Amino acid sequence: MDQYTVQSSGVSLQKDPPAPLEKGAEPTGAQILAAIESSRQAMQTQIAAIAVDVNLLRADLRVVAERSVATEKQVTCLQSEMDTLKALVAILEANMHKLEARVEDAEGTVRRCYLRIVSFPKGVEGANVEAFLEDWIGKTLPVAPLSAVFVVERAHRALAAPPPPGAPPQMIIVKVLNYRDQAQTWRSYL
């Protein structure tokens, strides 16, 4: 009969397991114990392989967890930077709208500060355009009281290409020193 020893982990086989049974034969107790032991060893081998795979998966999961924590930190930093940039863009847009309004106001003021006089033939004004226009406005447009010192600050022909023959001459652009005089001149013309 085969020898078996009992250990703390169970039964261990000292000899090789017996050959498979013939058809219709009853297994002996030793054969049953050998088959059980063989199954147990095969299961332990498979469990050990599974344990190695589980340990590898745990290591991979640790790496993935570390990467996801790092990614979450980066996303959080990017979100806070994006919020900061959104606030900065909002401030810059507000400033841009204020500056656009100021530019529009300045352009309107500049347009209002200048008189445009059309239909003076070229050369009529002579060498001193300002003196010619002061005299012409005083004589031609009888305006309600102008200031005591009515001064044309600047005057020049419009900076454009010369008109073709038969077209009206270039306009003269005039800046009057006193805005009230300019407004009175404008009103009397209308």
N, C-alpha and C. Protein backbone atom coordinates (compact mmCIF):
# COMPACT_ATOMS: atom_id res chain seq x y z
N MET A 1 0.84 -1.17 0.00
CA MET A 1 0.00 0.00 0.00
C MET A 1 0.88 1.23 0.00
N ASP A 2 0.38 2.31 -0.64
CA ASP A 2 1.15 3.54 -0.75
C ASP A 2 1.23 4.24 0.59
N GLN A 3 2.35 4.95 0.78
CA GLN A 3 2.58 5.67 2.02
C GLN A 3 2.17 7.14 1.86
N TYR A 4 1.43 7.67 2.80
CA TYR A 4 1.04 9.08 2.82
C TYR A 4 1.38 9.64 4.17
N THR A 5 1.76 10.95 4.19
CA THR A 5 2.03 11.59 5.47
C THR A 5 1.08 12.77 5.60
N VAL A 6 0.75 13.09 6.82
CA VAL A 6 -0.14 14.21 7.09
C VAL A 6 0.72 15.38 7.53
N GLN A 7 0.54 16.51 6.87
CA GLN A 7 1.26 17.72 7.26
C GLN A 7 0.22 18.75 7.70
N SER A 8 0.74 19.90 8.14
CA SER A 8 -0.19 20.92 8.62
C SER A 8 -1.04 21.47 7.47
N SER A 9 -0.52 21.42 6.25
CA SER A 9 -1.29 21.94 5.12
C SER A 9 -2.18 20.86 4.53
N GLY A 10 -2.12 19.65 4.97
CA GLY A 10 -2.97 18.60 4.43
C GLY A 10 -2.16 17.37 4.12
N VAL A 11 -2.67 16.55 3.24
CA VAL A 11 -2.04 15.28 2.89
C VAL A 11 -1.05 15.54 1.77
N SER A 12 0.15 14.94 1.85
CA SER A 12 1.11 15.08 0.76
C SER A 12 1.48 13.70 0.27
N LEU A 13 1.69 13.58 -0.99
CA LEU A 13 1.96 12.30 -1.65
C LEU A 13 3.46 12.10 -1.69
N GLN A 14 3.91 10.92 -1.26
CA GLN A 14 5.33 10.63 -1.31
C GLN A 14 5.69 9.92 -2.58
N LYS A 15 4.78 9.18 -3.16
CA LYS A 15 5.04 8.45 -4.40
C LYS A 15 4.28 9.09 -5.53
N ASP A 16 4.61 8.70 -6.75
CA ASP A 16 3.87 9.17 -7.90
C ASP A 16 2.45 8.64 -7.84
N PRO A 17 1.47 9.37 -8.34
CA PRO A 17 0.10 8.88 -8.32
C PRO A 17 -0.05 7.65 -9.18
N PRO A 18 -0.96 6.75 -8.83
CA PRO A 18 -1.16 5.52 -9.59
C PRO A 18 -1.72 5.82 -10.97
N ALA A 19 -1.60 4.88 -11.85
CA ALA A 19 -2.09 5.02 -13.22
C ALA A 19 -3.61 5.10 -13.22
N PRO A 20 -4.19 5.64 -14.28
CA PRO A 20 -5.65 5.75 -14.36
C PRO A 20 -6.31 4.38 -14.29
N LEU A 21 -7.54 4.39 -13.86
CA LEU A 21 -8.30 3.14 -13.66
C LEU A 21 -8.78 2.58 -14.98
N GLU A 22 -8.95 1.31 -14.95
CA GLU A 22 -9.53 0.65 -16.11
C GLU A 22 -11.04 0.81 -16.05
N LYS A 23 -11.68 0.60 -17.19
CA LYS A 23 -13.12 0.78 -17.28
C LYS A 23 -13.84 -0.22 -16.39
N GLY A 24 -14.75 0.30 -15.58
CA GLY A 24 -15.57 -0.54 -14.71
C GLY A 24 -14.92 -0.90 -13.39
N ALA A 25 -13.64 -0.50 -13.13
CA ALA A 25 -12.97 -0.84 -11.88
C ALA A 25 -13.26 0.22 -10.83
N GLU A 26 -13.29 -0.22 -9.59
CA GLU A 26 -13.53 0.68 -8.46
C GLU A 26 -12.21 1.29 -8.03
N PRO A 27 -12.15 2.61 -7.80
CA PRO A 27 -10.91 3.22 -7.36
C PRO A 27 -10.65 2.86 -5.90
N THR A 28 -9.41 2.77 -5.61
CA THR A 28 -9.03 2.48 -4.23
C THR A 28 -8.92 3.80 -3.49
N GLY A 29 -8.80 3.73 -2.20
CA GLY A 29 -8.67 4.92 -1.37
C GLY A 29 -7.42 5.70 -1.71
N ALA A 30 -6.33 4.98 -1.99
CA ALA A 30 -5.07 5.63 -2.34
C ALA A 30 -5.20 6.38 -3.65
N GLN A 31 -5.92 5.81 -4.60
CA GLN A 31 -6.11 6.46 -5.88
C GLN A 31 -6.95 7.73 -5.73
N ILE A 32 -7.93 7.67 -4.88
CA ILE A 32 -8.79 8.84 -4.64
C ILE A 32 -7.97 9.94 -3.99
N LEU A 33 -7.16 9.53 -2.99
CA LEU A 33 -6.31 10.53 -2.31
C LEU A 33 -5.30 11.12 -3.30
N ALA A 34 -4.76 10.31 -4.19
CA ALA A 34 -3.79 10.79 -5.17
C ALA A 34 -4.45 11.76 -6.14
N ALA A 35 -5.67 11.48 -6.56
CA ALA A 35 -6.40 12.36 -7.47
C ALA A 35 -6.72 13.68 -6.79
N ILE A 36 -7.10 13.61 -5.51
CA ILE A 36 -7.39 14.83 -4.74
C ILE A 36 -6.12 15.67 -4.62
N GLU A 37 -5.01 15.02 -4.30
CA GLU A 37 -3.74 15.72 -4.15
C GLU A 37 -3.30 16.35 -5.46
N SER A 38 -3.47 15.63 -6.54
CA SER A 38 -3.11 16.15 -7.86
C SER A 38 -3.96 17.38 -8.20
N SER A 39 -5.25 17.34 -7.90
CA SER A 39 -6.14 18.48 -8.13
C SER A 39 -5.74 19.67 -7.27
N ARG A 40 -5.39 19.34 -6.00
CA ARG A 40 -5.00 20.42 -5.09
C ARG A 40 -3.74 21.11 -5.59
N GLN A 41 -2.75 20.35 -6.05
CA GLN A 41 -1.51 20.95 -6.53
C GLN A 41 -1.77 21.77 -7.80
N ALA A 42 -2.61 21.28 -8.68
CA ALA A 42 -2.94 22.03 -9.90
C ALA A 42 -3.65 23.33 -9.55
N MET A 43 -4.56 23.27 -8.56
CA MET A 43 -5.26 24.47 -8.13
C MET A 43 -4.31 25.46 -7.48
N GLN A 44 -3.36 24.96 -6.65
CA GLN A 44 -2.40 25.85 -6.02
C GLN A 44 -1.52 26.53 -7.07
N THR A 45 -1.13 25.82 -8.11
CA THR A 45 -0.34 26.41 -9.19
C THR A 45 -1.14 27.50 -9.89
N GLN A 46 -2.40 27.20 -10.16
CA GLN A 46 -3.24 28.20 -10.82
C GLN A 46 -3.49 29.40 -9.90
N ILE A 47 -3.69 29.15 -8.61
CA ILE A 47 -3.90 30.24 -7.65
C ILE A 47 -2.65 31.10 -7.56
N ALA A 48 -1.47 30.46 -7.57
CA ALA A 48 -0.21 31.22 -7.51
C ALA A 48 -0.08 32.10 -8.76
N ALA A 49 -0.44 31.55 -9.93
CA ALA A 49 -0.38 32.34 -11.17
C ALA A 49 -1.37 33.50 -11.11
N ILE A 50 -2.55 33.24 -10.57
CA ILE A 50 -3.56 34.31 -10.42
C ILE A 50 -3.07 35.36 -9.44
N ALA A 51 -2.42 34.93 -8.36
CA ALA A 51 -1.89 35.88 -7.37
C ALA A 51 -0.83 36.78 -8.01
N VAL A 52 0.03 36.22 -8.85
CA VAL A 52 1.04 37.03 -9.56
C VAL A 52 0.35 38.04 -10.47
N ASP A 53 -0.67 37.57 -11.20
CA ASP A 53 -1.40 38.48 -12.09
C ASP A 53 -2.09 39.59 -11.30
N VAL A 54 -2.67 39.24 -10.15
CA VAL A 54 -3.34 40.24 -9.31
C VAL A 54 -2.33 41.26 -8.81
N ASN A 55 -1.15 40.78 -8.40
CA ASN A 55 -0.12 41.72 -7.94
C ASN A 55 0.34 42.66 -9.06
N LEU A 56 0.47 42.10 -10.27
CA LEU A 56 0.81 42.95 -11.42
C LEU A 56 -0.29 43.98 -11.69
N LEU A 57 -1.54 43.54 -11.60
CA LEU A 57 -2.66 44.47 -11.80
C LEU A 57 -2.68 45.55 -10.73
N ARG A 58 -2.37 45.16 -9.47
CA ARG A 58 -2.32 46.15 -8.39
C ARG A 58 -1.24 47.20 -8.68
N ALA A 59 -0.07 46.74 -9.15
CA ALA A 59 1.01 47.68 -9.48
C ALA A 59 0.58 48.61 -10.61
N ASP A 60 -0.07 48.03 -11.63
CA ASP A 60 -0.55 48.86 -12.74
C ASP A 60 -1.61 49.85 -12.27
N LEU A 61 -2.50 49.41 -11.39
CA LEU A 61 -3.53 50.31 -10.86
C LEU A 61 -2.92 51.44 -10.04
N ARG A 62 -1.85 51.13 -9.29
CA ARG A 62 -1.16 52.17 -8.53
C ARG A 62 -0.60 53.23 -9.47
N VAL A 63 0.03 52.78 -10.56
CA VAL A 63 0.59 53.71 -11.54
C VAL A 63 -0.53 54.55 -12.17
N VAL A 64 -1.63 53.90 -12.53
CA VAL A 64 -2.76 54.62 -13.13
C VAL A 64 -3.34 55.62 -12.12
N ALA A 65 -3.44 55.22 -10.86
CA ALA A 65 -3.97 56.12 -9.83
C ALA A 65 -3.05 57.33 -9.66
N GLU A 66 -1.74 57.10 -9.65
CA GLU A 66 -0.79 58.22 -9.53
C GLU A 66 -0.90 59.16 -10.72
N ARG A 67 -1.03 58.57 -11.91
CA ARG A 67 -1.16 59.41 -13.10
C ARG A 67 -2.47 60.19 -13.09
N SER A 68 -3.55 59.55 -12.65
CA SER A 68 -4.82 60.29 -12.62
C SER A 68 -4.79 61.40 -11.58
N VAL A 69 -4.11 61.19 -10.46
CA VAL A 69 -3.99 62.26 -9.46
C VAL A 69 -3.19 63.42 -10.06
N ALA A 70 -2.08 63.10 -10.76
CA ALA A 70 -1.28 64.15 -11.40
C ALA A 70 -2.10 64.87 -12.47
N THR A 71 -2.88 64.11 -13.24
CA THR A 71 -3.72 64.72 -14.28
C THR A 71 -4.78 65.61 -13.67
N GLU A 72 -5.39 65.18 -12.58
CA GLU A 72 -6.40 65.99 -11.91
C GLU A 72 -5.79 67.29 -11.40
N LYS A 73 -4.56 67.22 -10.87
CA LYS A 73 -3.89 68.44 -10.41
C LYS A 73 -3.66 69.39 -11.57
N GLN A 74 -3.20 68.84 -12.72
CA GLN A 74 -2.97 69.68 -13.89
C GLN A 74 -4.26 70.31 -14.39
N VAL A 75 -5.34 69.52 -14.42
CA VAL A 75 -6.63 70.04 -14.86
C VAL A 75 -7.09 71.16 -13.93
N THR A 76 -6.92 70.97 -12.63
CA THR A 76 -7.31 71.99 -11.66
C THR A 76 -6.51 73.27 -11.89
N CYS A 77 -5.19 73.12 -12.10
CA CYS A 77 -4.36 74.30 -12.36
C CYS A 77 -4.80 75.00 -13.65
N LEU A 78 -5.06 74.20 -14.69
CA LEU A 78 -5.49 74.79 -15.96
C LEU A 78 -6.84 75.49 -15.83
N GLN A 79 -7.74 74.89 -15.05
CA GLN A 79 -9.05 75.52 -14.85
C GLN A 79 -8.90 76.85 -14.12
N SER A 80 -8.04 76.90 -13.10
CA SER A 80 -7.86 78.17 -12.38
C SER A 80 -7.20 79.20 -13.29
N GLU A 81 -6.23 78.77 -14.12
CA GLU A 81 -5.62 79.69 -15.07
C GLU A 81 -6.65 80.18 -16.08
N MET A 82 -7.51 79.27 -16.54
CA MET A 82 -8.54 79.64 -17.50
C MET A 82 -9.52 80.64 -16.88
N ASP A 83 -9.88 80.43 -15.62
CA ASP A 83 -10.77 81.38 -14.94
C ASP A 83 -10.11 82.75 -14.84
N THR A 84 -8.80 82.75 -14.51
CA THR A 84 -8.06 84.01 -14.42
C THR A 84 -8.03 84.69 -15.78
N LEU A 85 -7.77 83.91 -16.84
CA LEU A 85 -7.72 84.48 -18.18
C LEU A 85 -9.08 84.99 -18.63
N LYS A 86 -10.15 84.27 -18.26
CA LYS A 86 -11.50 84.74 -18.60
C LYS A 86 -11.78 86.09 -17.94
N ALA A 87 -11.40 86.21 -16.67
CA ALA A 87 -11.59 87.47 -15.97
C ALA A 87 -10.77 88.58 -16.63
N LEU A 88 -9.54 88.26 -17.01
CA LEU A 88 -8.69 89.24 -17.68
C LEU A 88 -9.28 89.66 -19.02
N VAL A 89 -9.80 88.69 -19.77
CA VAL A 89 -10.42 89.01 -21.06
C VAL A 89 -11.64 89.91 -20.85
N ALA A 90 -12.42 89.63 -19.81
CA ALA A 90 -13.60 90.47 -19.52
C ALA A 90 -13.16 91.90 -19.20
N ILE A 91 -12.11 92.04 -18.40
CA ILE A 91 -11.60 93.38 -18.07
C ILE A 91 -11.10 94.08 -19.32
N LEU A 92 -10.34 93.35 -20.15
CA LEU A 92 -9.81 93.95 -21.36
C LEU A 92 -10.92 94.34 -22.34
N GLU A 93 -11.97 93.51 -22.42
CA GLU A 93 -13.10 93.86 -23.29
C GLU A 93 -13.79 95.12 -22.77
N ALA A 94 -13.97 95.22 -21.46
CA ALA A 94 -14.59 96.42 -20.90
C ALA A 94 -13.73 97.65 -21.20
N ASN A 95 -12.41 97.52 -21.02
CA ASN A 95 -11.52 98.63 -21.33
C ASN A 95 -11.58 98.98 -22.81
N MET A 96 -11.64 97.95 -23.66
CA MET A 96 -11.71 98.19 -25.09
C MET A 96 -12.98 98.95 -25.45
N HIS A 97 -14.11 98.59 -24.84
CA HIS A 97 -15.36 99.29 -25.12
C HIS A 97 -15.27 100.74 -24.65
N LYS A 98 -14.66 100.97 -23.49
CA LYS A 98 -14.48 102.34 -23.01
C LYS A 98 -13.61 103.14 -23.97
N LEU A 99 -12.52 102.52 -24.42
CA LEU A 99 -11.61 103.22 -25.34
C LEU A 99 -12.28 103.46 -26.69
N GLU A 100 -13.08 102.49 -27.15
CA GLU A 100 -13.81 102.71 -28.41
C GLU A 100 -14.76 103.90 -28.28
N ALA A 101 -15.44 103.99 -27.14
CA ALA A 101 -16.35 105.11 -26.92
C ALA A 101 -15.58 106.43 -26.89
N ARG A 102 -14.41 106.42 -26.24
CA ARG A 102 -13.60 107.64 -26.18
C ARG A 102 -13.10 108.03 -27.56
N VAL A 103 -12.67 107.05 -28.35
CA VAL A 103 -12.19 107.34 -29.70
C VAL A 103 -13.33 107.90 -30.55
N GLU A 104 -14.50 107.26 -30.44
CA GLU A 104 -15.65 107.74 -31.20
C GLU A 104 -16.00 109.17 -30.79
N ASP A 105 -15.95 109.46 -29.50
CA ASP A 105 -16.23 110.81 -29.02
C ASP A 105 -15.18 111.79 -29.55
N ALA A 106 -13.91 111.36 -29.50
CA ALA A 106 -12.85 112.25 -30.00
C ALA A 106 -13.01 112.50 -31.50
N GLU A 107 -13.35 111.45 -32.26
CA GLU A 107 -13.56 111.63 -33.70
C GLU A 107 -14.74 112.57 -33.95
N GLY A 108 -15.80 112.40 -33.17
CA GLY A 108 -16.95 113.29 -33.32
C GLY A 108 -16.60 114.72 -32.97
N THR A 109 -15.81 114.90 -31.93
CA THR A 109 -15.38 116.24 -31.54
C THR A 109 -14.54 116.86 -32.64
N VAL A 110 -13.63 116.08 -33.19
CA VAL A 110 -12.78 116.59 -34.26
C VAL A 110 -13.63 116.97 -35.46
N ARG A 111 -14.61 116.11 -35.79
CA ARG A 111 -15.48 116.43 -36.92
C ARG A 111 -16.27 117.71 -36.65
N ARG A 112 -16.70 117.89 -35.40
CA ARG A 112 -17.49 119.09 -35.07
C ARG A 112 -16.62 120.34 -35.01
N CYS A 113 -15.33 120.18 -34.74
CA CYS A 113 -14.45 121.34 -34.60
C CYS A 113 -14.06 121.93 -35.95
N TYR A 114 -14.29 121.22 -37.03
CA TYR A 114 -13.87 121.70 -38.34
C TYR A 114 -15.07 122.09 -39.18
N LEU A 115 -14.92 123.18 -39.91
CA LEU A 115 -15.91 123.58 -40.91
C LEU A 115 -15.36 123.15 -42.26
N ARG A 116 -16.22 122.69 -43.12
CA ARG A 116 -15.82 122.32 -44.47
C ARG A 116 -16.52 123.26 -45.45
N ILE A 117 -15.73 123.98 -46.19
CA ILE A 117 -16.29 124.97 -47.12
C ILE A 117 -16.02 124.45 -48.53
N VAL A 118 -17.09 124.36 -49.30
CA VAL A 118 -17.00 123.80 -50.65
C VAL A 118 -17.21 124.92 -51.67
N SER A 119 -16.66 124.74 -52.83
CA SER A 119 -16.89 125.54 -54.04
C SER A 119 -16.04 126.80 -54.15
N PHE A 120 -14.95 126.90 -53.44
CA PHE A 120 -13.98 127.96 -53.71
C PHE A 120 -13.06 127.47 -54.82
N PRO A 121 -12.94 128.19 -55.90
CA PRO A 121 -12.01 127.76 -56.94
C PRO A 121 -10.58 127.74 -56.40
N LYS A 122 -9.78 126.89 -56.98
CA LYS A 122 -8.41 126.74 -56.49
C LYS A 122 -7.63 128.02 -56.74
N GLY A 123 -6.94 128.47 -55.71
CA GLY A 123 -6.08 129.65 -55.82
C GLY A 123 -6.75 130.94 -55.38
N VAL A 124 -8.06 130.94 -55.14
CA VAL A 124 -8.77 132.16 -54.72
C VAL A 124 -8.27 132.62 -53.36
N GLU A 125 -7.91 131.68 -52.53
CA GLU A 125 -7.55 132.02 -51.15
C GLU A 125 -6.20 132.69 -51.04
N GLY A 126 -5.36 132.57 -52.06
CA GLY A 126 -4.05 133.21 -52.02
C GLY A 126 -3.08 132.45 -51.13
N ALA A 127 -2.05 133.16 -50.65
CA ALA A 127 -0.99 132.53 -49.86
C ALA A 127 -1.43 132.32 -48.41
N ASN A 128 -2.26 133.21 -47.86
CA ASN A 128 -2.68 133.11 -46.45
C ASN A 128 -4.16 132.71 -46.41
N VAL A 129 -4.40 131.42 -46.30
CA VAL A 129 -5.76 130.90 -46.33
C VAL A 129 -6.53 131.36 -45.10
N GLU A 130 -5.89 131.40 -43.95
CA GLU A 130 -6.57 131.77 -42.70
C GLU A 130 -7.10 133.21 -42.77
N ALA A 131 -6.24 134.15 -43.22
CA ALA A 131 -6.66 135.56 -43.30
C ALA A 131 -7.79 135.73 -44.31
N PHE A 132 -7.71 135.03 -45.46
CA PHE A 132 -8.76 135.09 -46.47
C PHE A 132 -10.09 134.64 -45.89
N LEU A 133 -10.09 133.52 -45.15
CA LEU A 133 -11.34 132.98 -44.61
C LEU A 133 -11.90 133.85 -43.50
N GLU A 134 -11.05 134.45 -42.66
CA GLU A 134 -11.55 135.37 -41.61
C GLU A 134 -12.28 136.53 -42.27
N ASP A 135 -11.69 137.08 -43.32
CA ASP A 135 -12.31 138.21 -44.03
C ASP A 135 -13.59 137.76 -44.73
N TRP A 136 -13.55 136.61 -45.40
CA TRP A 136 -14.71 136.13 -46.15
C TRP A 136 -15.88 135.82 -45.23
N ILE A 137 -15.61 135.13 -44.09
CA ILE A 137 -16.69 134.78 -43.15
C ILE A 137 -17.30 136.05 -42.58
N GLY A 138 -16.46 137.04 -42.24
CA GLY A 138 -16.97 138.31 -41.69
C GLY A 138 -17.86 139.05 -42.67
N LYS A 139 -17.53 139.02 -43.98
CA LYS A 139 -18.30 139.75 -44.99
C LYS A 139 -19.52 138.97 -45.48
N THR A 140 -19.34 137.68 -45.73
CA THR A 140 -20.37 136.90 -46.40
C THR A 140 -21.44 136.38 -45.47
N LEU A 141 -21.05 135.91 -44.31
CA LEU A 141 -22.02 135.33 -43.38
C LEU A 141 -22.26 136.32 -42.24
N PRO A 142 -23.30 137.12 -42.35
CA PRO A 142 -23.57 138.05 -41.25
C PRO A 142 -24.05 137.24 -40.05
N VAL A 143 -23.17 137.04 -39.15
CA VAL A 143 -23.43 136.18 -38.02
C VAL A 143 -23.82 137.02 -36.82
N ALA A 144 -24.60 136.40 -35.97
CA ALA A 144 -24.87 137.02 -34.69
C ALA A 144 -23.53 137.22 -34.00
N PRO A 145 -23.50 137.91 -32.94
CA PRO A 145 -22.23 138.40 -32.41
C PRO A 145 -21.15 137.32 -32.31
N LEU A 146 -20.05 137.53 -33.06
CA LEU A 146 -18.87 136.69 -32.93
C LEU A 146 -18.04 137.27 -31.81
N SER A 147 -17.08 136.52 -31.37
CA SER A 147 -16.22 137.03 -30.29
C SER A 147 -15.40 138.20 -30.82
N ALA A 148 -14.88 138.97 -29.90
CA ALA A 148 -14.11 140.15 -30.29
C ALA A 148 -12.88 139.75 -31.10
N VAL A 149 -12.34 138.61 -30.78
CA VAL A 149 -11.16 138.13 -31.51
C VAL A 149 -11.57 136.88 -32.26
N PHE A 150 -12.10 137.06 -33.46
CA PHE A 150 -12.48 135.93 -34.31
C PHE A 150 -11.22 135.49 -35.05
N VAL A 151 -10.75 134.26 -34.78
CA VAL A 151 -9.51 133.78 -35.37
C VAL A 151 -9.74 132.42 -36.02
N VAL A 152 -9.26 132.29 -37.25
CA VAL A 152 -9.23 130.99 -37.90
C VAL A 152 -7.88 130.39 -37.54
N GLU A 153 -7.93 129.30 -36.77
CA GLU A 153 -6.68 128.71 -36.27
C GLU A 153 -5.90 128.03 -37.39
N ARG A 154 -6.58 127.22 -38.18
CA ARG A 154 -5.93 126.51 -39.28
C ARG A 154 -6.91 126.42 -40.43
N ALA A 155 -6.37 126.37 -41.64
CA ALA A 155 -7.21 126.16 -42.81
C ALA A 155 -6.33 125.58 -43.91
N HIS A 156 -6.88 124.63 -44.68
CA HIS A 156 -6.14 124.04 -45.80
C HIS A 156 -7.12 123.35 -46.72
N ARG A 157 -6.67 123.10 -47.94
CA ARG A 157 -7.46 122.33 -48.88
C ARG A 157 -7.47 120.88 -48.44
N ALA A 158 -8.55 120.17 -48.73
CA ALA A 158 -8.65 118.76 -48.36
C ALA A 158 -7.55 117.98 -49.04
N LEU A 159 -6.98 117.06 -48.30
CA LEU A 159 -5.89 116.25 -48.84
C LEU A 159 -6.47 115.09 -49.63
N ALA A 160 -6.80 115.36 -50.85
CA ALA A 160 -7.36 114.34 -51.73
C ALA A 160 -6.77 114.55 -53.12
N ALA A 161 -6.98 113.60 -53.98
CA ALA A 161 -6.49 113.74 -55.35
C ALA A 161 -7.21 114.91 -56.01
N PRO A 162 -6.52 115.63 -56.88
CA PRO A 162 -7.19 116.76 -57.57
C PRO A 162 -8.42 116.26 -58.32
N PRO A 163 -9.49 117.03 -58.29
CA PRO A 163 -10.71 116.60 -58.97
C PRO A 163 -10.53 116.63 -60.48
N PRO A 164 -11.28 115.82 -61.21
CA PRO A 164 -11.19 115.84 -62.68
C PRO A 164 -11.77 117.14 -63.22
N PRO A 165 -11.47 117.50 -64.45
CA PRO A 165 -12.01 118.74 -65.02
C PRO A 165 -13.54 118.72 -65.02
N GLY A 166 -14.11 119.85 -64.66
CA GLY A 166 -15.57 119.98 -64.62
C GLY A 166 -16.18 119.59 -63.29
N ALA A 167 -15.42 118.98 -62.39
CA ALA A 167 -15.93 118.60 -61.06
C ALA A 167 -15.72 119.77 -60.11
N PRO A 168 -16.51 119.82 -59.02
CA PRO A 168 -16.31 120.92 -58.07
C PRO A 168 -14.91 120.86 -57.46
N PRO A 169 -14.35 122.01 -57.07
CA PRO A 169 -13.00 122.03 -56.51
C PRO A 169 -12.96 121.37 -55.13
N GLN A 170 -11.74 121.13 -54.69
CA GLN A 170 -11.57 120.51 -53.37
C GLN A 170 -12.09 121.45 -52.29
N MET A 171 -12.60 120.85 -51.22
CA MET A 171 -13.13 121.66 -50.12
C MET A 171 -11.99 122.23 -49.28
N ILE A 172 -12.29 123.31 -48.60
CA ILE A 172 -11.34 123.90 -47.65
C ILE A 172 -11.80 123.51 -46.26
N ILE A 173 -10.89 123.00 -45.47
CA ILE A 173 -11.20 122.58 -44.09
C ILE A 173 -10.69 123.67 -43.16
N VAL A 174 -11.58 124.14 -42.27
CA VAL A 174 -11.26 125.29 -41.42
C VAL A 174 -11.44 124.91 -39.96
N LYS A 175 -10.49 125.31 -39.12
CA LYS A 175 -10.63 125.15 -37.67
C LYS A 175 -10.63 126.53 -37.06
N VAL A 176 -11.76 126.89 -36.43
CA VAL A 176 -11.90 128.19 -35.78
C VAL A 176 -11.44 128.03 -34.34
N LEU A 177 -10.71 129.03 -33.84
CA LEU A 177 -10.13 128.94 -32.51
C LEU A 177 -11.21 128.85 -31.43
N ASN A 178 -12.23 129.69 -31.50
CA ASN A 178 -13.28 129.71 -30.50
C ASN A 178 -14.45 128.84 -30.99
N TYR A 179 -14.82 127.87 -30.19
CA TYR A 179 -15.87 126.94 -30.60
C TYR A 179 -17.20 127.67 -30.77
N ARG A 180 -17.48 128.67 -29.95
CA ARG A 180 -18.74 129.41 -30.09
C ARG A 180 -18.80 130.14 -31.43
N ASP A 181 -17.67 130.69 -31.84
CA ASP A 181 -17.64 131.34 -33.16
C ASP A 181 -17.92 130.32 -34.25
N GLN A 182 -17.34 129.17 -34.11
CA GLN A 182 -17.56 128.13 -35.11
C GLN A 182 -19.03 127.74 -35.15
N ALA A 183 -19.64 127.55 -33.97
CA ALA A 183 -21.05 127.16 -33.91
C ALA A 183 -21.93 128.25 -34.52
N GLN A 184 -21.64 129.53 -34.22
CA GLN A 184 -22.42 130.65 -34.80
C GLN A 184 -22.28 130.67 -36.30
N THR A 185 -21.06 130.43 -36.80
CA THR A 185 -20.84 130.42 -38.24
C THR A 185 -21.61 129.28 -38.88
N TRP A 186 -21.60 128.15 -38.24
CA TRP A 186 -22.33 126.98 -38.75
C TRP A 186 -23.83 127.23 -38.79
N ARG A 187 -24.36 127.81 -37.72
CA ARG A 187 -25.80 128.08 -37.66
C ARG A 187 -26.22 129.11 -38.70
N SER A 188 -25.40 130.13 -38.91
CA SER A 188 -25.78 131.17 -39.88
C SER A 188 -25.74 130.61 -41.30
N TYR A 189 -24.90 129.64 -41.53
CA TYR A 189 -24.83 129.03 -42.86
C TYR A 189 -26.08 128.19 -43.12
N LEU A 190 -26.56 127.51 -42.09
CA LEU A 190 -27.74 126.65 -42.26
C LEU A 190 -28.95 127.55 -42.44
